[in-house]
Amino acid sequence: MFVLSTIKDTVAIQPASFGLPSEQAITIELNKKYANRVLHDVGLCICVFDIAQAGEGKVRYGDGCFWHKVVFRLVVFRPFSGEVILAKVKSSDEEGIRVSVGFFDSMYIPLNYLPTPSAFDPNERAHFWLPTYEPPASDPEHVPTQHELLDSPTAERMYIDAGEVVRVRVETDEFYDDEPGPPKAAEGVMAAKAERRRPPYSITVSRHTFR
């Protein structure tokens, strides 16, 4: 779930930190810059693990900071494909289930990864499945419709409620670089995008077991 990633950067040490040991001051500045930030194709940065190399500090003209070229390792959250982790159900809608590991919420179980047969109950705002469902003998390959599932007895349903701890398996992850650009024009009138803002890093998971 967590990996170490080696990064090169140049960091500025403010005059207020000159009294601190160099490594401590550099670590503080690096954590300010990288902690809780998504790096494209790297993952969600958690904190600095260690400093591998740190050059001698130099002062730039007109700038009172010490600038250090550093090589360091970051603790990064990026689960590998196939990894099984514990998560908590955060919310559900018609498109699937959103789960969280506490510090990271952009994890989703789409409909095709839910147990079958399952459906979304709009009254409970939760998905449920029928673990004891058996197709009729006359049609052993029958797949129940959403209407049929919503007409099933409540006692036979197993709901996947918000706050429930689930065991999920990582399928894929995706990075999205939302670069700013000029708004698009529609028939000569500037029109804003109506699409939902996408997170910079998201993970698609499948249901492993529900407990």
C-alpha atoms as a PDB file:
ATOM      1  CA  MET A   1       0.000   0.000   0.000  1.00  0.00           C
ATOM      2  CA  PHE A   2       2.897   2.347   0.747  1.00  0.00           C
ATOM      3  CA  VAL A   3       6.062   2.649  -1.339  1.00  0.00           C
ATOM      4  CA  LEU A   4       9.233   4.729  -1.260  1.00  0.00           C
ATOM      5  CA  SER A   5       9.841   7.080  -4.173  1.00  0.00           C
ATOM      6  CA  THR A   6      13.137   8.905  -4.824  1.00  0.00           C
ATOM      7  CA  ILE A   7      12.744  12.587  -5.753  1.00  0.00           C
ATOM      8  CA  LYS A   8      15.208  15.333  -6.726  1.00  0.00           C
ATOM      9  CA  ASP A   9      14.413  18.946  -5.935  1.00  0.00           C
ATOM     10  CA  THR A  10      15.841  22.296  -4.913  1.00  0.00           C
ATOM     11  CA  VAL A  11      14.475  23.584  -1.631  1.00  0.00           C
ATOM     12  CA  ALA A  12      14.706  27.018  -0.013  1.00  0.00           C
ATOM     13  CA  ILE A  13      15.421  27.369   3.718  1.00  0.00           C
ATOM     14  CA  GLN A  14      13.903  30.521   5.165  1.00  0.00           C
ATOM     15  CA  PRO A  15      16.052  32.732   7.460  1.00  0.00           C
ATOM     16  CA  ALA A  16      13.780  31.847  10.397  1.00  0.00           C
ATOM     17  CA  SER A  17      15.011  28.231  10.135  1.00  0.00           C
ATOM     18  CA  PHE A  18      18.760  28.999   9.988  1.00  0.00           C
ATOM     19  CA  GLY A  19      19.123  27.996  13.647  1.00  0.00           C
ATOM     20  CA  LEU A  20      17.928  24.443  12.981  1.00  0.00           C
ATOM     21  CA  PRO A  21      20.154  21.565  11.835  1.00  0.00           C
ATOM     22  CA  SER A  22      20.250  21.546   8.031  1.00  0.00           C
ATOM     23  CA  GLU A  23      18.610  18.126   7.650  1.00  0.00           C
ATOM     24  CA  GLN A  24      15.757  19.053   9.976  1.00  0.00           C
ATOM     25  CA  ALA A  25      15.151  22.385   8.224  1.00  0.00           C
ATOM     26  CA  ILE A  26      15.189  20.719   4.788  1.00  0.00           C
ATOM     27  CA  THR A  27      12.793  17.985   5.943  1.00  0.00           C
ATOM     28  CA  ILE A  28      10.353  20.566   7.294  1.00  0.00           C
ATOM     29  CA  GLU A  29      10.324  22.498   4.011  1.00  0.00           C
ATOM     30  CA  LEU A  30       9.972  19.337   1.917  1.00  0.00           C
ATOM     31  CA  ASN A  31       7.020  18.148   3.994  1.00  0.00           C
ATOM     32  CA  LYS A  32       5.353  21.537   3.555  1.00  0.00           C
ATOM     33  CA  LYS A  33       5.709  21.185  -0.201  1.00  0.00           C
ATOM     34  CA  TYR A  34       4.903  17.508  -0.747  1.00  0.00           C
ATOM     35  CA  ALA A  35       2.780  16.150   2.124  1.00  0.00           C
ATOM     36  CA  ASN A  36      -0.824  15.394   1.072  1.00  0.00           C
ATOM     37  CA  ARG A  37      -0.017  16.216  -2.556  1.00  0.00           C
ATOM     38  CA  VAL A  38      -0.562  13.945  -5.562  1.00  0.00           C
ATOM     39  CA  LEU A  39       2.412  13.552  -7.896  1.00  0.00           C
ATOM     40  CA  HIS A  40       1.441  12.405 -11.377  1.00  0.00           C
ATOM     41  CA  ASP A  41       2.317   8.743 -11.988  1.00  0.00           C
ATOM     42  CA  VAL A  42       3.798   8.546  -8.465  1.00  0.00           C
ATOM     43  CA  GLY A  43       0.911   8.639  -5.982  1.00  0.00           C
ATOM     44  CA  LEU A  44      -0.273  10.476  -2.880  1.00  0.00           C
ATOM     45  CA  CYS A  45       2.719  11.817  -0.926  1.00  0.00           C
ATOM     46  CA  ILE A  46       2.572  11.169   2.816  1.00  0.00           C
ATOM     47  CA  CYS A  47       5.875  12.448   4.257  1.00  0.00           C
ATOM     48  CA  VAL A  48       9.641  12.524   3.814  1.00  0.00           C
ATOM     49  CA  PHE A  49      11.269   9.207   4.736  1.00  0.00           C
ATOM     50  CA  ASP A  50      14.918  10.307   4.617  1.00  0.00           C
ATOM     51  CA  ILE A  51      17.394  12.645   2.922  1.00  0.00           C
ATOM     52  CA  ALA A  52      19.820  10.785   0.632  1.00  0.00           C
ATOM     53  CA  GLN A  53      21.887  13.776  -0.524  1.00  0.00           C
ATOM     54  CA  ALA A  54      21.892  17.472   0.294  1.00  0.00           C
ATOM     55  CA  GLY A  55      24.132  19.989  -1.415  1.00  0.00           C
ATOM     56  CA  GLU A  56      25.734  22.963   0.272  1.00  0.00           C
ATOM     57  CA  GLY A  57      23.303  25.833   0.736  1.00  0.00           C
ATOM     58  CA  LYS A  58      23.733  28.808  -1.582  1.00  0.00           C
ATOM     59  CA  VAL A  59      22.293  32.300  -1.356  1.00  0.00           C
ATOM     60  CA  ARG A  60      20.809  33.807  -4.501  1.00  0.00           C
ATOM     61  CA  TYR A  61      21.178  37.478  -5.317  1.00  0.00           C
ATOM     62  CA  GLY A  62      18.319  39.452  -3.799  1.00  0.00           C
ATOM     63  CA  ASP A  63      17.103  36.454  -1.821  1.00  0.00           C
ATOM     64  CA  GLY A  64      17.887  35.777   1.834  1.00  0.00           C
ATOM     65  CA  CYS A  65      17.168  32.034   1.651  1.00  0.00           C
ATOM     66  CA  PHE A  66      19.595  29.151   1.577  1.00  0.00           C
ATOM     67  CA  TRP A  67      18.929  26.992  -1.509  1.00  0.00           C
ATOM     68  CA  HIS A  68      19.831  23.294  -1.304  1.00  0.00           C
ATOM     69  CA  LYS A  69      19.812  20.696  -4.074  1.00  0.00           C
ATOM     70  CA  VAL A  70      18.523  17.537  -2.443  1.00  0.00           C
ATOM     71  CA  VAL A  71      17.788  13.903  -3.249  1.00  0.00           C
ATOM     72  CA  PHE A  72      15.274  12.383  -0.843  1.00  0.00           C
ATOM     73  CA  ARG A  73      12.796   9.550  -0.445  1.00  0.00           C
ATOM     74  CA  LEU A  74       9.079  10.049   0.066  1.00  0.00           C
ATOM     75  CA  VAL A  75       6.563   7.692   1.622  1.00  0.00           C
ATOM     76  CA  VAL A  76       3.874   7.437  -1.061  1.00  0.00           C
ATOM     77  CA  PHE A  77       0.430   5.872  -0.976  1.00  0.00           C
ATOM     78  CA  ARG A  78      -0.040   3.808  -4.148  1.00  0.00           C
ATOM     79  CA  PRO A  79      -1.505   0.316  -3.714  1.00  0.00           C
ATOM     80  CA  PHE A  80      -0.443  -2.186  -6.350  1.00  0.00           C
ATOM     81  CA  SER A  81      -2.875  -3.965  -8.660  1.00  0.00           C
ATOM     82  CA  GLY A  82      -4.306  -7.024  -6.930  1.00  0.00           C
ATOM     83  CA  GLU A  83      -3.562  -5.786  -3.401  1.00  0.00           C
ATOM     84  CA  VAL A  84      -6.327  -6.448  -0.870  1.00  0.00           C
ATOM     85  CA  ILE A  85      -6.963  -3.685   1.657  1.00  0.00           C
ATOM     86  CA  LEU A  86      -9.554  -2.791   4.285  1.00  0.00           C
ATOM     87  CA  ALA A  87     -11.702   0.250   3.563  1.00  0.00           C
ATOM     88  CA  LYS A  88     -14.876   1.835   4.887  1.00  0.00           C
ATOM     89  CA  VAL A  89     -17.986   2.553   2.799  1.00  0.00           C
ATOM     90  CA  LYS A  90     -18.312   6.330   2.504  1.00  0.00           C
ATOM     91  CA  SER A  91     -21.327   6.729   0.207  1.00  0.00           C
ATOM     92  CA  SER A  92     -23.356   5.016  -2.507  1.00  0.00           C
ATOM     93  CA  ASP A  93     -25.189   6.142  -5.626  1.00  0.00           C
ATOM     94  CA  GLU A  94     -26.565   4.711  -8.854  1.00  0.00           C
ATOM     95  CA  GLU A  95     -23.037   4.430 -10.314  1.00  0.00           C
ATOM     96  CA  GLY A  96     -21.448   2.410  -7.514  1.00  0.00           C
ATOM     97  CA  ILE A  97     -19.910   2.686  -4.051  1.00  0.00           C
ATOM     98  CA  ARG A  98     -17.282   5.096  -2.770  1.00  0.00           C
ATOM     99  CA  VAL A  99     -14.937   3.736  -0.113  1.00  0.00           C
ATOM    100  CA  SER A 100     -12.252   5.348   2.021  1.00  0.00           C
ATOM    101  CA  VAL A 101      -9.099   4.386   3.908  1.00  0.00           C
ATOM    102  CA  GLY A 102      -9.401   7.483   6.113  1.00  0.00           C
ATOM    103  CA  PHE A 103      -6.777   9.732   4.560  1.00  0.00           C
ATOM    104  CA  PHE A 104      -7.786   8.912   0.962  1.00  0.00           C
ATOM    105  CA  ASP A 105     -11.383   8.936  -0.298  1.00  0.00           C
ATOM    106  CA  SER A 106     -11.117   8.638  -4.093  1.00  0.00           C
ATOM    107  CA  MET A 107     -11.679   4.872  -4.208  1.00  0.00           C
ATOM    108  CA  TYR A 108     -14.658   3.503  -6.115  1.00  0.00           C
ATOM    109  CA  ILE A 109     -16.419   0.169  -6.628  1.00  0.00           C
ATOM    110  CA  PRO A 110     -18.268   0.421  -9.976  1.00  0.00           C
ATOM    111  CA  LEU A 111     -21.395  -1.600 -10.657  1.00  0.00           C
ATOM    112  CA  ASN A 112     -19.600  -4.305 -12.630  1.00  0.00           C
ATOM    113  CA  TYR A 113     -17.462  -5.150  -9.573  1.00  0.00           C
ATOM    114  CA  LEU A 114     -20.395  -5.567  -7.157  1.00  0.00           C
ATOM    115  CA  PRO A 115     -21.678  -9.030  -6.210  1.00  0.00           C
ATOM    116  CA  THR A 116     -24.533 -10.367  -8.325  1.00  0.00           C
ATOM    117  CA  PRO A 117     -27.397 -10.011  -8.275  1.00  0.00           C
ATOM    118  CA  SER A 118     -27.349  -6.547  -6.723  1.00  0.00           C
ATOM    119  CA  ALA A 119     -29.271  -3.294  -7.008  1.00  0.00           C
ATOM    120  CA  PHE A 120     -29.322   0.246  -5.632  1.00  0.00           C
ATOM    121  CA  ASP A 121     -32.107   1.056  -3.180  1.00  0.00           C
ATOM    122  CA  PRO A 122     -32.916   4.783  -3.613  1.00  0.00           C
ATOM    123  CA  ASN A 123     -34.820   4.878  -0.322  1.00  0.00           C
ATOM    124  CA  GLU A 124     -31.924   3.532   1.744  1.00  0.00           C
ATOM    125  CA  ARG A 125     -29.283   5.166  -0.488  1.00  0.00           C
ATOM    126  CA  ALA A 126     -27.370   1.899  -0.422  1.00  0.00           C
ATOM    127  CA  HIS A 127     -26.651  -1.100  -2.627  1.00  0.00           C
ATOM    128  CA  PHE A 128     -27.846  -4.554  -1.633  1.00  0.00           C
ATOM    129  CA  TRP A 129     -27.389  -8.047  -3.009  1.00  0.00           C
ATOM    130  CA  LEU A 130     -29.247 -11.314  -2.655  1.00  0.00           C
ATOM    131  CA  PRO A 131     -26.802 -13.991  -1.458  1.00  0.00           C
ATOM    132  CA  THR A 132     -29.498 -16.706  -1.442  1.00  0.00           C
ATOM    133  CA  TYR A 133     -30.939 -15.929  -4.883  1.00  0.00           C
ATOM    134  CA  GLU A 134     -31.533 -18.921  -7.156  1.00  0.00           C
ATOM    135  CA  PRO A 135     -32.858 -18.591 -10.718  1.00  0.00           C
ATOM    136  CA  PRO A 136     -36.094 -20.416 -11.558  1.00  0.00           C
ATOM    137  CA  ALA A 137     -35.755 -24.016 -12.735  1.00  0.00           C
ATOM    138  CA  SER A 138     -37.459 -23.112 -16.025  1.00  0.00           C
ATOM    139  CA  ASP A 139     -34.774 -20.489 -16.771  1.00  0.00           C
ATOM    140  CA  PRO A 140     -31.521 -21.339 -14.937  1.00  0.00           C
ATOM    141  CA  GLU A 141     -29.637 -18.495 -16.653  1.00  0.00           C
ATOM    142  CA  HIS A 142     -32.208 -15.851 -15.761  1.00  0.00           C
ATOM    143  CA  VAL A 143     -30.702 -12.526 -14.652  1.00  0.00           C
ATOM    144  CA  PRO A 144     -33.117 -10.561 -12.452  1.00  0.00           C
ATOM    145  CA  THR A 145     -33.916  -6.995 -13.477  1.00  0.00           C
ATOM    146  CA  GLN A 146     -33.535  -4.011 -11.173  1.00  0.00           C
ATOM    147  CA  HIS A 147     -37.318  -3.913 -10.805  1.00  0.00           C
ATOM    148  CA  GLU A 148     -37.410  -7.566  -9.728  1.00  0.00           C
ATOM    149  CA  LEU A 149     -34.600  -7.021  -7.229  1.00  0.00           C
ATOM    150  CA  LEU A 150     -36.329  -3.991  -5.706  1.00  0.00           C
ATOM    151  CA  ASP A 151     -39.470  -6.122  -5.301  1.00  0.00           C
ATOM    152  CA  SER A 152     -37.562  -8.778  -3.355  1.00  0.00           C
ATOM    153  CA  PRO A 153     -38.330  -9.272   0.366  1.00  0.00           C
ATOM    154  CA  THR A 154     -36.295  -6.949   2.560  1.00  0.00           C
ATOM    155  CA  ALA A 155     -35.351  -9.839   4.849  1.00  0.00           C
ATOM    156  CA  GLU A 156     -33.463 -11.518   1.984  1.00  0.00           C
ATOM    157  CA  ARG A 157     -31.351  -8.461   1.172  1.00  0.00           C
ATOM    158  CA  MET A 158     -27.815  -7.905   2.388  1.00  0.00           C
ATOM    159  CA  TYR A 159     -27.209  -4.154   2.392  1.00  0.00           C
ATOM    160  CA  ILE A 160     -23.800  -2.558   1.972  1.00  0.00           C
ATOM    161  CA  ASP A 161     -24.291   0.368   4.343  1.00  0.00           C
ATOM    162  CA  ALA A 162     -22.281   3.551   4.844  1.00  0.00           C
ATOM    163  CA  GLY A 163     -19.670   3.084   7.557  1.00  0.00           C
ATOM    164  CA  GLU A 164     -19.362  -0.658   6.950  1.00  0.00           C
ATOM    165  CA  VAL A 165     -15.823  -2.055   6.771  1.00  0.00           C
ATOM    166  CA  VAL A 166     -15.184  -3.925   3.536  1.00  0.00           C
ATOM    167  CA  ARG A 167     -12.293  -5.860   2.100  1.00  0.00           C
ATOM    168  CA  VAL A 168     -11.538  -4.679  -1.442  1.00  0.00           C
ATOM    169  CA  ARG A 169      -9.035  -5.571  -4.131  1.00  0.00           C
ATOM    170  CA  VAL A 170      -7.246  -2.924  -6.190  1.00  0.00           C
ATOM    171  CA  GLU A 171      -8.011  -3.261  -9.898  1.00  0.00           C
ATOM    172  CA  THR A 172      -6.656  -0.102 -11.549  1.00  0.00           C
ATOM    173  CA  ASP A 173      -5.593   3.412 -10.660  1.00  0.00           C
ATOM    174  CA  GLU A 174      -5.792   6.585 -12.722  1.00  0.00           C
ATOM    175  CA  PHE A 175      -4.078   9.962 -12.637  1.00  0.00           C
ATOM    176  CA  TYR A 176      -5.842  13.000 -14.035  1.00  0.00           C
ATOM    177  CA  ASP A 177      -4.008  16.224 -14.815  1.00  0.00           C
ATOM    178  CA  ASP A 178      -6.584  19.025 -14.730  1.00  0.00           C
ATOM    179  CA  GLU A 179      -4.559  21.662 -16.549  1.00  0.00           C
ATOM    180  CA  PRO A 180      -6.168  25.112 -16.763  1.00  0.00           C
ATOM    181  CA  GLY A 181      -7.129  26.364 -20.190  1.00  0.00           C
ATOM    182  CA  PRO A 182      -9.426  28.819 -21.955  1.00  0.00           C
ATOM    183  CA  PRO A 183     -13.156  28.081 -21.626  1.00  0.00           C
ATOM    184  CA  LYS A 184     -14.906  26.651 -24.651  1.00  0.00           C
ATOM    185  CA  ALA A 185     -17.302  28.758 -26.717  1.00  0.00           C
ATOM    186  CA  ALA A 186     -20.750  27.509 -27.710  1.00  0.00           C
ATOM    187  CA  GLU A 187     -22.375  29.453 -30.563  1.00  0.00           C
ATOM    188  CA  GLY A 188     -20.298  32.518 -29.757  1.00  0.00           C
ATOM    189  CA  VAL A 189     -21.130  32.486 -26.036  1.00  0.00           C
ATOM    190  CA  MET A 190     -18.543  31.397 -23.480  1.00  0.00           C
ATOM    191  CA  ALA A 191     -19.778  28.229 -21.798  1.00  0.00           C
ATOM    192  CA  ALA A 192     -18.308  26.654 -18.655  1.00  0.00           C
ATOM    193  CA  LYS A 193     -17.775  22.940 -18.450  1.00  0.00           C
ATOM    194  CA  ALA A 194     -20.649  21.120 -16.837  1.00  0.00           C
ATOM    195  CA  GLU A 195     -18.731  17.945 -16.089  1.00  0.00           C
ATOM    196  CA  ARG A 196     -17.951  16.976 -12.531  1.00  0.00           C
ATOM    197  CA  ARG A 197     -14.481  17.848 -11.311  1.00  0.00           C
ATOM    198  CA  ARG A 198     -12.292  14.763 -11.339  1.00  0.00           C
ATOM    199  CA  PRO A 199      -9.828  13.937  -8.550  1.00  0.00           C
ATOM    200  CA  PRO A 200      -6.127  14.019  -9.505  1.00  0.00           C
ATOM    201  CA  TYR A 201      -5.720  10.400  -8.399  1.00  0.00           C
ATOM    202  CA  SER A 202      -8.402   7.738  -8.113  1.00  0.00           C
ATOM    203  CA  ILE A 203      -8.437   3.987  -7.558  1.00  0.00           C
ATOM    204  CA  THR A 204     -10.924   1.452  -8.897  1.00  0.00           C
ATOM    205  CA  VAL A 205     -11.442  -1.480  -6.567  1.00  0.00           C
ATOM    206  CA  SER A 206     -13.576  -4.596  -6.585  1.00  0.00           C
ATOM    207  CA  ARG A 207     -15.478  -6.227  -3.797  1.00  0.00           C
ATOM    208  CA  HIS A 208     -13.367  -8.934  -2.180  1.00  0.00           C
ATOM    209  CA  THR A 209     -15.553  -9.761   0.800  1.00  0.00           C
ATOM    210  CA  PHE A 210     -18.096  -7.833   2.809  1.00  0.00           C
ATOM    211  CA  ARG A 211     -18.212  -8.409   6.498  1.00  0.00           C
END
